Structures are given as C-alpha cells and as structure tokens.
N, C-alpha and C. Protein backbone atom coordinates (compact mmCIF):
# COMPACT_ATOMS: atom_id res chain seq x y z
N UNK A 1 -25.35 116.47 131.68
CA UNK A 1 -24.98 117.07 132.99
C UNK A 1 -26.08 117.91 133.48
N UNK A 2 -26.39 117.82 134.71
CA UNK A 2 -27.46 118.49 135.42
C UNK A 2 -27.18 120.09 135.63
N UNK A 3 -27.93 120.96 134.98
CA UNK A 3 -27.58 122.50 135.25
C UNK A 3 -27.78 122.96 136.66
N UNK A 4 -28.58 122.05 137.43
CA UNK A 4 -28.91 122.46 138.84
C UNK A 4 -28.57 121.27 139.68
N UNK A 5 -27.16 121.11 139.83
CA UNK A 5 -26.82 120.09 140.76
C UNK A 5 -27.34 120.23 142.25
N UNK A 6 -27.51 119.17 142.83
CA UNK A 6 -27.84 119.02 144.38
C UNK A 6 -26.63 119.71 145.06
N UNK A 7 -27.02 120.51 146.10
CA UNK A 7 -26.01 121.12 146.94
C UNK A 7 -25.19 119.93 147.71
N UNK A 8 -23.95 120.36 147.78
CA UNK A 8 -22.99 119.43 148.59
C UNK A 8 -23.39 119.42 149.83
N UNK A 9 -23.21 118.20 150.55
CA UNK A 9 -23.38 118.11 151.88
C UNK A 9 -22.39 118.87 152.78
N UNK A 10 -22.93 119.48 153.69
CA UNK A 10 -21.99 120.13 154.64
C UNK A 10 -21.34 119.21 155.61
N UNK A 11 -20.16 119.46 155.84
CA UNK A 11 -19.31 118.45 156.68
C UNK A 11 -19.31 119.19 158.07
N UNK A 12 -19.94 118.50 159.03
CA UNK A 12 -20.05 119.19 160.25
C UNK A 12 -18.42 119.34 160.96
N UNK A 13 -18.29 120.57 161.70
CA UNK A 13 -17.00 120.71 162.38
C UNK A 13 -16.89 119.86 163.58
N UNK A 14 -15.65 119.58 164.00
CA UNK A 14 -15.54 118.86 165.23
C UNK A 14 -16.25 119.42 166.23
N UNK A 15 -16.97 118.58 167.05
CA UNK A 15 -17.81 118.98 168.09
C UNK A 15 -19.29 118.94 167.84
N UNK A 16 -19.66 118.52 166.59
CA UNK A 16 -21.09 118.34 166.23
C UNK A 16 -21.70 119.38 165.61
N UNK A 17 -22.94 119.43 165.53
CA UNK A 17 -23.82 120.28 164.74
C UNK A 17 -23.80 121.78 165.25
N UNK A 18 -23.68 121.84 166.70
CA UNK A 18 -23.75 123.19 167.31
C UNK A 18 -22.38 123.93 166.98
N UNK A 19 -21.33 123.14 166.96
CA UNK A 19 -19.90 123.71 166.57
C UNK A 19 -20.00 124.14 165.07
N UNK A 20 -20.55 123.24 164.27
CA UNK A 20 -20.55 123.62 162.81
C UNK A 20 -21.35 124.98 162.62
N UNK A 21 -22.52 125.16 163.49
CA UNK A 21 -23.25 126.19 163.22
C UNK A 21 -22.47 127.54 163.73
N UNK A 22 -21.82 127.29 164.91
CA UNK A 22 -21.21 128.47 165.54
C UNK A 22 -19.89 128.79 164.61
N UNK A 23 -19.26 127.87 163.91
CA UNK A 23 -18.33 128.08 163.00
C UNK A 23 -18.83 128.94 161.83
N UNK A 24 -19.87 128.46 161.32
CA UNK A 24 -20.53 129.17 160.04
C UNK A 24 -20.93 130.60 160.50
N UNK A 25 -21.59 130.66 161.69
CA UNK A 25 -21.89 132.16 162.14
C UNK A 25 -20.61 132.88 162.13
N UNK A 26 -19.60 132.32 162.68
CA UNK A 26 -18.33 133.17 162.96
C UNK A 26 -17.90 133.64 161.45
N UNK A 27 -17.79 132.55 160.52
CA UNK A 27 -17.26 132.87 159.14
C UNK A 27 -18.26 134.19 158.56
N UNK A 28 -19.61 133.93 158.73
CA UNK A 28 -20.56 134.96 158.28
C UNK A 28 -20.37 136.26 158.75
N UNK A 29 -20.04 136.37 160.14
CA UNK A 29 -19.94 137.55 160.81
C UNK A 29 -18.53 138.26 160.38
N UNK A 30 -17.41 137.34 160.11
CA UNK A 30 -16.31 137.98 159.52
C UNK A 30 -16.40 138.70 158.16
N UNK A 31 -17.20 137.85 157.32
CA UNK A 31 -17.44 138.35 155.90
C UNK A 31 -18.22 139.60 156.00
N UNK A 32 -19.26 139.55 156.97
CA UNK A 32 -20.09 140.91 157.02
C UNK A 32 -19.28 142.07 157.44
N UNK A 33 -18.25 141.85 158.36
CA UNK A 33 -17.49 142.77 158.88
C UNK A 33 -16.53 143.44 157.73
N UNK A 34 -15.99 142.47 156.93
CA UNK A 34 -15.18 142.93 155.92
C UNK A 34 -15.90 143.70 154.82
N UNK A 35 -17.18 143.18 154.64
CA UNK A 35 -17.93 143.87 153.61
C UNK A 35 -18.53 145.20 154.06
N UNK A 36 -18.71 145.33 155.39
CA UNK A 36 -19.15 146.56 155.94
C UNK A 36 -18.51 147.71 155.55
N UNK A 37 -19.19 148.84 155.06
CA UNK A 37 -18.43 150.09 154.58
C UNK A 37 -17.91 149.96 153.13
N UNK A 38 -18.19 148.78 152.37
CA UNK A 38 -17.77 148.71 150.97
C UNK A 38 -18.15 149.98 150.13
N UNK A 39 -19.30 150.36 150.14
CA UNK A 39 -19.76 151.56 149.43
C UNK A 39 -19.01 152.81 149.95
N UNK A 40 -18.82 152.82 151.22
CA UNK A 40 -18.08 153.88 151.65
C UNK A 40 -16.59 153.91 151.36
N UNK A 41 -16.04 152.82 151.29
CA UNK A 41 -14.66 152.68 150.78
C UNK A 41 -14.49 153.13 149.42
N UNK A 42 -15.63 152.79 148.57
CA UNK A 42 -15.57 153.23 147.17
C UNK A 42 -15.84 154.82 147.14
N UNK A 43 -16.73 155.30 147.89
CA UNK A 43 -16.93 156.80 147.79
C UNK A 43 -15.70 157.55 148.45
N UNK A 44 -14.98 156.95 149.21
CA UNK A 44 -13.78 157.63 149.75
C UNK A 44 -12.38 157.25 148.98
N UNK A 45 -12.55 156.34 148.12
CA UNK A 45 -11.41 155.94 147.33
C UNK A 45 -10.31 155.46 148.27
N UNK A 46 -10.81 154.61 149.09
CA UNK A 46 -9.86 154.05 150.23
C UNK A 46 -10.02 152.67 150.34
N UNK A 47 -8.79 151.87 150.62
CA UNK A 47 -9.00 150.54 151.01
C UNK A 47 -8.98 150.24 152.42
N UNK A 48 -8.83 151.24 153.22
CA UNK A 48 -8.79 151.15 154.71
C UNK A 48 -10.05 150.95 155.23
N UNK A 49 -10.25 150.39 156.41
CA UNK A 49 -11.50 150.16 157.04
C UNK A 49 -12.16 151.44 157.38
N UNK A 50 -13.41 151.53 157.17
CA UNK A 50 -14.10 152.72 157.40
C UNK A 50 -14.87 152.61 158.73
N UNK A 51 -14.69 153.55 159.59
CA UNK A 51 -15.24 153.68 160.84
C UNK A 51 -16.14 155.07 160.81
N UNK A 52 -16.98 155.11 161.95
CA UNK A 52 -17.80 156.31 162.08
C UNK A 52 -16.92 157.48 162.13
N UNK A 53 -15.71 157.42 162.89
CA UNK A 53 -14.80 158.63 163.01
C UNK A 53 -14.29 158.80 161.68
N UNK A 54 -13.84 158.00 160.87
CA UNK A 54 -13.38 158.26 159.46
C UNK A 54 -14.41 158.93 158.62
N UNK A 55 -15.65 158.42 158.69
CA UNK A 55 -16.72 159.27 157.97
C UNK A 55 -16.94 160.64 158.31
N UNK A 56 -16.88 160.91 159.62
CA UNK A 56 -17.09 162.33 160.03
C UNK A 56 -15.91 163.19 159.54
N UNK A 57 -14.71 162.60 159.71
CA UNK A 57 -13.40 163.28 159.22
C UNK A 57 -13.61 163.66 157.80
N UNK A 58 -13.99 162.74 156.90
CA UNK A 58 -14.06 162.77 155.57
C UNK A 58 -15.17 163.89 155.06
N UNK A 59 -16.29 163.65 155.82
CA UNK A 59 -17.29 164.74 155.42
C UNK A 59 -17.03 166.10 155.89
N UNK A 60 -16.39 166.30 156.98
CA UNK A 60 -15.96 167.58 157.21
C UNK A 60 -14.88 168.20 156.42
N UNK A 61 -14.20 167.38 155.64
CA UNK A 61 -13.30 168.00 154.69
C UNK A 61 -13.80 168.15 153.34
N UNK A 62 -15.10 167.92 153.08
CA UNK A 62 -15.66 168.19 151.84
C UNK A 62 -15.88 169.74 151.67
N UNK A 63 -15.79 170.20 150.40
CA UNK A 63 -15.90 171.70 150.12
C UNK A 63 -17.27 172.21 150.64
N UNK A 64 -17.23 173.27 151.36
CA UNK A 64 -18.58 174.00 151.88
C UNK A 64 -19.01 173.41 153.20
N UNK A 65 -18.38 172.46 153.84
CA UNK A 65 -18.69 171.88 155.01
C UNK A 65 -17.95 172.45 156.28
N UNK A 66 -18.57 172.95 157.17
CA UNK A 66 -17.97 173.57 158.44
C UNK A 66 -17.67 172.45 159.49
N UNK A 67 -18.51 171.46 159.51
CA UNK A 67 -18.34 170.31 160.57
C UNK A 67 -19.33 169.38 160.28
N UNK A 68 -19.21 168.23 160.93
CA UNK A 68 -20.02 166.91 160.59
C UNK A 68 -20.25 166.27 162.05
N UNK A 69 -21.42 165.77 162.06
CA UNK A 69 -21.98 165.01 163.19
C UNK A 69 -22.73 163.81 162.65
N UNK A 70 -22.21 162.63 163.07
CA UNK A 70 -22.96 161.27 162.59
C UNK A 70 -23.78 160.70 163.82
N UNK A 71 -24.85 160.21 163.48
CA UNK A 71 -25.57 159.57 164.51
C UNK A 71 -26.17 158.23 164.00
N UNK A 72 -25.62 157.23 164.47
CA UNK A 72 -25.89 155.82 163.90
C UNK A 72 -27.43 155.33 164.60
N UNK A 73 -28.01 154.41 163.95
CA UNK A 73 -29.21 153.84 164.55
C UNK A 73 -29.00 153.23 165.77
N UNK A 74 -27.62 152.77 166.08
CA UNK A 74 -27.44 152.06 167.43
C UNK A 74 -27.06 153.32 168.38
N UNK A 75 -27.25 154.62 168.03
CA UNK A 75 -27.07 155.66 169.07
C UNK A 75 -25.74 156.14 169.18
N UNK A 76 -24.75 155.56 168.36
CA UNK A 76 -23.45 156.11 168.41
C UNK A 76 -23.41 157.51 167.77
N UNK A 77 -22.74 158.44 168.46
CA UNK A 77 -22.60 159.81 168.04
C UNK A 77 -21.19 160.20 167.92
N UNK A 78 -20.78 160.70 166.68
CA UNK A 78 -19.37 161.23 166.61
C UNK A 78 -19.33 162.50 165.94
N UNK A 79 -18.47 163.44 166.34
CA UNK A 79 -18.53 164.80 165.68
C UNK A 79 -17.08 165.04 165.25
N UNK A 80 -16.91 165.80 164.11
CA UNK A 80 -15.73 166.31 163.65
C UNK A 80 -15.06 167.25 164.66
N UNK A 81 -13.82 167.61 164.37
CA UNK A 81 -13.23 168.67 165.10
C UNK A 81 -13.87 170.00 165.06
N UNK A 82 -14.38 170.39 163.80
CA UNK A 82 -15.19 171.68 163.80
C UNK A 82 -16.57 171.48 164.43
N UNK A 83 -17.08 170.30 164.34
CA UNK A 83 -18.32 169.95 164.91
C UNK A 83 -19.58 170.59 164.30
N UNK A 84 -20.62 170.21 164.74
CA UNK A 84 -21.75 170.86 164.47
C UNK A 84 -22.44 171.32 165.87
N UNK A 85 -22.66 172.61 166.03
CA UNK A 85 -22.98 173.09 167.26
C UNK A 85 -24.44 173.10 167.39
N UNK A 86 -24.87 172.14 168.47
CA UNK A 86 -26.36 172.17 168.77
C UNK A 86 -26.39 172.29 170.36
N UNK A 87 -27.36 173.09 170.77
CA UNK A 87 -27.51 173.19 172.23
C UNK A 87 -28.13 171.79 172.78
N UNK A 88 -27.78 171.05 173.69
CA UNK A 88 -28.32 169.89 174.27
C UNK A 88 -27.99 168.71 173.63
N UNK A 89 -28.67 167.70 173.46
CA UNK A 89 -28.53 166.50 172.90
C UNK A 89 -28.55 166.39 171.44
N UNK A 90 -27.47 166.04 170.52
CA UNK A 90 -27.53 166.03 169.13
C UNK A 90 -28.60 164.98 168.60
N UNK A 91 -28.71 163.95 169.29
CA UNK A 91 -29.66 162.87 168.73
C UNK A 91 -31.16 163.54 168.89
N UNK A 92 -31.52 164.27 169.88
CA UNK A 92 -32.82 164.85 170.02
C UNK A 92 -32.94 166.07 169.04
N UNK A 93 -31.84 166.65 168.85
CA UNK A 93 -31.90 167.78 167.78
C UNK A 93 -32.29 167.12 166.39
N UNK A 94 -31.56 166.03 166.03
CA UNK A 94 -31.77 165.51 164.60
C UNK A 94 -33.28 164.80 164.74
N UNK A 95 -33.68 164.15 165.69
CA UNK A 95 -34.98 163.69 165.81
C UNK A 95 -36.02 164.75 165.57
N UNK A 96 -35.93 165.81 166.32
CA UNK A 96 -36.82 166.96 166.27
C UNK A 96 -36.88 167.60 164.87
N UNK A 97 -35.71 167.70 164.40
CA UNK A 97 -35.81 168.22 162.97
C UNK A 97 -36.28 167.40 161.87
N UNK A 98 -36.26 165.96 162.14
CA UNK A 98 -36.73 165.14 161.27
C UNK A 98 -38.28 164.95 161.47
N UNK A 99 -38.80 165.13 162.71
CA UNK A 99 -40.14 165.28 163.12
C UNK A 99 -40.76 166.39 162.31
N UNK A 100 -40.11 167.62 162.44
CA UNK A 100 -40.56 168.67 161.77
C UNK A 100 -40.78 168.53 160.40
N UNK A 101 -39.65 167.89 159.63
CA UNK A 101 -39.77 167.80 158.12
C UNK A 101 -40.91 166.76 157.87
N UNK A 102 -41.02 165.75 158.70
CA UNK A 102 -42.19 164.80 158.38
C UNK A 102 -43.61 165.59 158.44
N UNK A 103 -43.67 166.46 159.64
CA UNK A 103 -44.95 167.14 159.57
C UNK A 103 -45.26 168.01 158.61
N UNK A 104 -44.16 168.50 158.01
CA UNK A 104 -44.39 169.31 156.72
C UNK A 104 -44.47 168.57 155.39
N UNK A 105 -44.45 167.19 155.59
CA UNK A 105 -44.58 166.39 154.38
C UNK A 105 -43.39 166.20 153.64
N UNK A 106 -42.31 166.70 154.24
CA UNK A 106 -40.95 166.68 153.55
C UNK A 106 -40.20 165.56 154.03
N UNK A 107 -40.19 164.44 153.28
CA UNK A 107 -39.43 163.26 153.86
C UNK A 107 -38.13 163.03 153.04
N UNK A 108 -37.77 164.12 152.34
CA UNK A 108 -36.55 163.97 151.42
C UNK A 108 -35.34 164.28 152.36
N UNK A 109 -34.20 164.01 151.67
CA UNK A 109 -32.97 164.26 152.22
C UNK A 109 -32.12 164.98 151.25
N UNK A 110 -31.50 166.22 151.56
CA UNK A 110 -31.27 166.80 152.97
C UNK A 110 -32.55 167.55 153.43
N UNK A 111 -32.55 167.89 154.64
CA UNK A 111 -33.35 168.73 155.28
C UNK A 111 -32.49 169.88 155.98
N UNK A 112 -32.76 171.10 155.54
CA UNK A 112 -31.88 172.26 156.11
C UNK A 112 -32.59 173.02 157.02
N UNK A 113 -31.92 173.29 158.23
CA UNK A 113 -32.39 174.20 159.29
C UNK A 113 -31.59 175.51 159.14
N UNK A 114 -32.23 176.51 159.18
CA UNK A 114 -31.52 177.85 159.08
C UNK A 114 -31.81 178.56 160.40
N UNK A 115 -30.66 179.08 160.99
CA UNK A 115 -30.86 179.74 162.38
C UNK A 115 -29.72 180.87 162.31
N UNK A 116 -29.84 181.74 163.31
CA UNK A 116 -28.79 182.81 163.50
C UNK A 116 -27.56 182.27 163.61
N UNK A 117 -27.26 181.19 164.08
CA UNK A 117 -25.92 180.60 164.13
C UNK A 117 -25.46 179.92 162.94
N UNK A 118 -26.27 179.86 161.82
CA UNK A 118 -25.84 179.30 160.65
C UNK A 118 -26.81 178.23 160.02
N UNK A 119 -26.44 177.49 159.16
CA UNK A 119 -27.33 176.39 158.64
C UNK A 119 -26.71 175.09 158.83
N UNK A 120 -27.62 174.18 159.09
CA UNK A 120 -27.41 172.74 159.40
C UNK A 120 -28.36 172.01 158.52
N UNK A 121 -27.65 171.04 157.68
CA UNK A 121 -28.36 170.21 156.88
C UNK A 121 -28.36 168.79 157.46
N UNK A 122 -29.51 168.05 157.46
CA UNK A 122 -29.57 166.77 157.99
C UNK A 122 -29.71 165.79 156.67
N UNK A 123 -28.94 164.75 156.61
CA UNK A 123 -28.97 163.79 155.68
C UNK A 123 -29.33 162.41 156.13
N UNK A 124 -30.07 161.63 155.37
CA UNK A 124 -30.53 160.40 155.73
C UNK A 124 -32.09 160.25 155.78
N UNK A 125 -32.52 159.07 155.45
CA UNK A 125 -34.09 158.88 155.57
C UNK A 125 -34.45 157.77 156.58
N UNK A 126 -33.44 157.02 156.96
CA UNK A 126 -33.49 155.92 158.06
C UNK A 126 -33.35 156.47 159.43
N UNK A 127 -32.83 155.63 160.20
CA UNK A 127 -32.54 155.92 161.60
C UNK A 127 -31.23 156.67 161.67
N UNK A 128 -30.24 156.41 160.89
CA UNK A 128 -28.96 157.00 160.96
C UNK A 128 -29.06 158.42 160.25
N UNK A 129 -28.27 159.32 160.77
CA UNK A 129 -28.19 160.67 160.25
C UNK A 129 -26.78 161.21 160.20
N UNK A 130 -26.66 162.16 159.27
CA UNK A 130 -25.47 162.92 159.12
C UNK A 130 -26.07 164.47 159.28
N UNK A 131 -25.44 165.16 160.15
CA UNK A 131 -25.77 166.57 160.27
C UNK A 131 -24.63 167.23 159.98
N UNK A 132 -24.64 168.13 159.05
CA UNK A 132 -23.40 169.07 158.68
C UNK A 132 -23.78 170.50 158.67
N UNK A 133 -22.74 171.25 159.34
CA UNK A 133 -22.85 172.71 159.40
C UNK A 133 -22.39 173.28 158.13
N UNK A 134 -22.97 174.25 157.55
CA UNK A 134 -22.38 174.82 156.22
C UNK A 134 -21.22 175.72 156.55
N UNK A 135 -20.25 175.64 155.75
CA UNK A 135 -19.13 176.44 155.90
C UNK A 135 -19.35 177.94 155.18
N UNK A 136 -18.33 178.60 155.01
CA UNK A 136 -18.56 179.94 154.30
C UNK A 136 -18.93 179.82 152.93
N UNK A 137 -18.42 178.82 152.20
CA UNK A 137 -18.66 178.59 150.77
C UNK A 137 -19.92 177.61 150.63
N UNK A 138 -20.47 177.63 149.47
CA UNK A 138 -21.57 176.74 149.19
C UNK A 138 -21.09 175.41 148.92
N UNK A 139 -22.00 174.45 148.97
CA UNK A 139 -21.48 172.96 148.80
C UNK A 139 -21.14 173.03 147.19
N UNK A 140 -19.87 172.43 146.99
CA UNK A 140 -19.40 172.16 145.63
C UNK A 140 -20.32 171.26 144.90
N UNK A 141 -20.45 171.13 143.60
CA UNK A 141 -21.30 170.18 143.09
C UNK A 141 -20.95 168.79 143.49
N UNK A 142 -22.05 167.91 143.67
CA UNK A 142 -21.94 166.60 143.96
C UNK A 142 -21.74 166.30 145.50
N UNK A 143 -21.50 167.37 146.26
CA UNK A 143 -21.37 167.17 147.77
C UNK A 143 -22.63 166.69 148.39
N UNK A 144 -23.57 167.39 148.08
CA UNK A 144 -24.97 167.01 148.77
C UNK A 144 -25.32 165.62 148.46
N UNK A 145 -25.19 165.26 147.19
CA UNK A 145 -25.49 163.85 146.79
C UNK A 145 -24.52 162.82 147.58
N UNK A 146 -23.23 163.12 147.72
CA UNK A 146 -22.17 162.31 148.42
C UNK A 146 -22.73 162.14 149.68
N UNK A 147 -23.16 163.23 150.50
CA UNK A 147 -23.37 163.09 151.82
C UNK A 147 -24.70 162.30 152.00
N UNK A 148 -25.63 162.39 151.08
CA UNK A 148 -26.78 161.50 151.17
C UNK A 148 -26.50 160.00 150.97
N UNK A 149 -25.61 159.69 150.01
CA UNK A 149 -25.11 158.34 149.99
C UNK A 149 -24.34 157.82 151.21
N UNK A 150 -23.62 158.56 151.82
CA UNK A 150 -22.84 158.38 152.94
C UNK A 150 -23.85 158.04 154.11
N UNK A 151 -24.71 158.94 154.41
CA UNK A 151 -25.73 158.73 155.38
C UNK A 151 -26.54 157.53 155.19
N UNK A 152 -26.78 157.04 153.90
CA UNK A 152 -27.53 155.89 153.79
C UNK A 152 -26.73 154.52 154.07
N UNK A 153 -25.22 154.68 154.23
CA UNK A 153 -24.53 153.55 154.39
C UNK A 153 -23.88 153.56 155.91
N UNK A 154 -24.29 154.50 156.66
CA UNK A 154 -23.91 154.56 158.14
C UNK A 154 -24.09 153.23 158.88
N UNK A 155 -25.25 152.60 158.68
CA UNK A 155 -25.53 151.27 159.39
C UNK A 155 -24.74 150.05 158.84
N UNK A 156 -23.94 150.28 157.82
CA UNK A 156 -23.24 149.11 157.44
C UNK A 156 -21.79 149.12 158.23
N UNK A 157 -21.64 150.14 159.01
CA UNK A 157 -20.25 150.17 159.68
C UNK A 157 -20.40 149.44 161.09
N UNK A 158 -19.27 148.94 161.38
CA UNK A 158 -19.30 148.10 162.86
C UNK A 158 -19.57 149.34 163.96
N UNK A 159 -20.21 148.76 164.98
CA UNK A 159 -20.46 149.72 166.14
C UNK A 159 -19.29 149.85 166.93
C-alpha cells in the first residue's frame, strides 16, 4: 500500500471549471468565516460568533478597564459604552502613539500613555489596535496578557 497516494481527481461542478472554482472559493470563504475568531471564542469561553462589538464589550468588562476602543486594520472603529476618550480621530491617536513608541525604540505591547485625563494603554503590534482606558483599579493578573492576545486576533474577525 502506497503511504502517499495520488490525490483524488476533483469533480468539476455543473457549469464547468469556472463554476467549480467559484464553488470551492465559496466553501473556503465559509470555512474561513466560521474559523474567524476561534482564538477569541476560546479566550471568551464562548461558542457565539465573535464580532468587533463583542470584543470591545468583553474587554471593557475586564477588571481595571474603564473603556475600550478597537481599531481593525480595515479601519473599522468600535468603542465600548465607557469608551476611551480621545480628542479628534481615534485612529490618528493610535497611529501617533505607535509612532512615538517606535521612535523611542519600544515596539512592545502594551504602550501606555499617561496624561491628566488618565492612562490609556495600546495593545497590538500589527495594524489592528486595542486602546483601553484604565479604571480606578489596577489591571488584575493576566488582563494585560489577555488584551495583547485579543489585539493580535482582531484581523481574524469579519468586517
């Protein structure tokens, strides 16, 4: 018995090769949609579909968080009810803070900005970002690490 059998021939769908390719693309897209957010579902201990809105809600409920803002690489911006208060455009704020961190040689996550209005920590090293305002309490153990993992998975979510 051959341990590496030849791949089975694909049977084209009705309508020819183009239809088969379209069908395969649709199946792949559906599988990707279902897999999207898998890590986030594990972090949230939920079987529900994860959206950017549910991410911000979940993050805002973590101990020590006053509000949350998520910015995806596609430019989608969502804020929790408590929100993260920034003057002007939130995407520009996050980009400016990341530029400042980069110029200081700090490419780590999180990056915390302290100002008179409070503290805001930015999570994520790619294009997507989570910005969280600090509540009255300090982050509970593991919250910072959880936020870093969540920020790294934002792009797995449907737009």
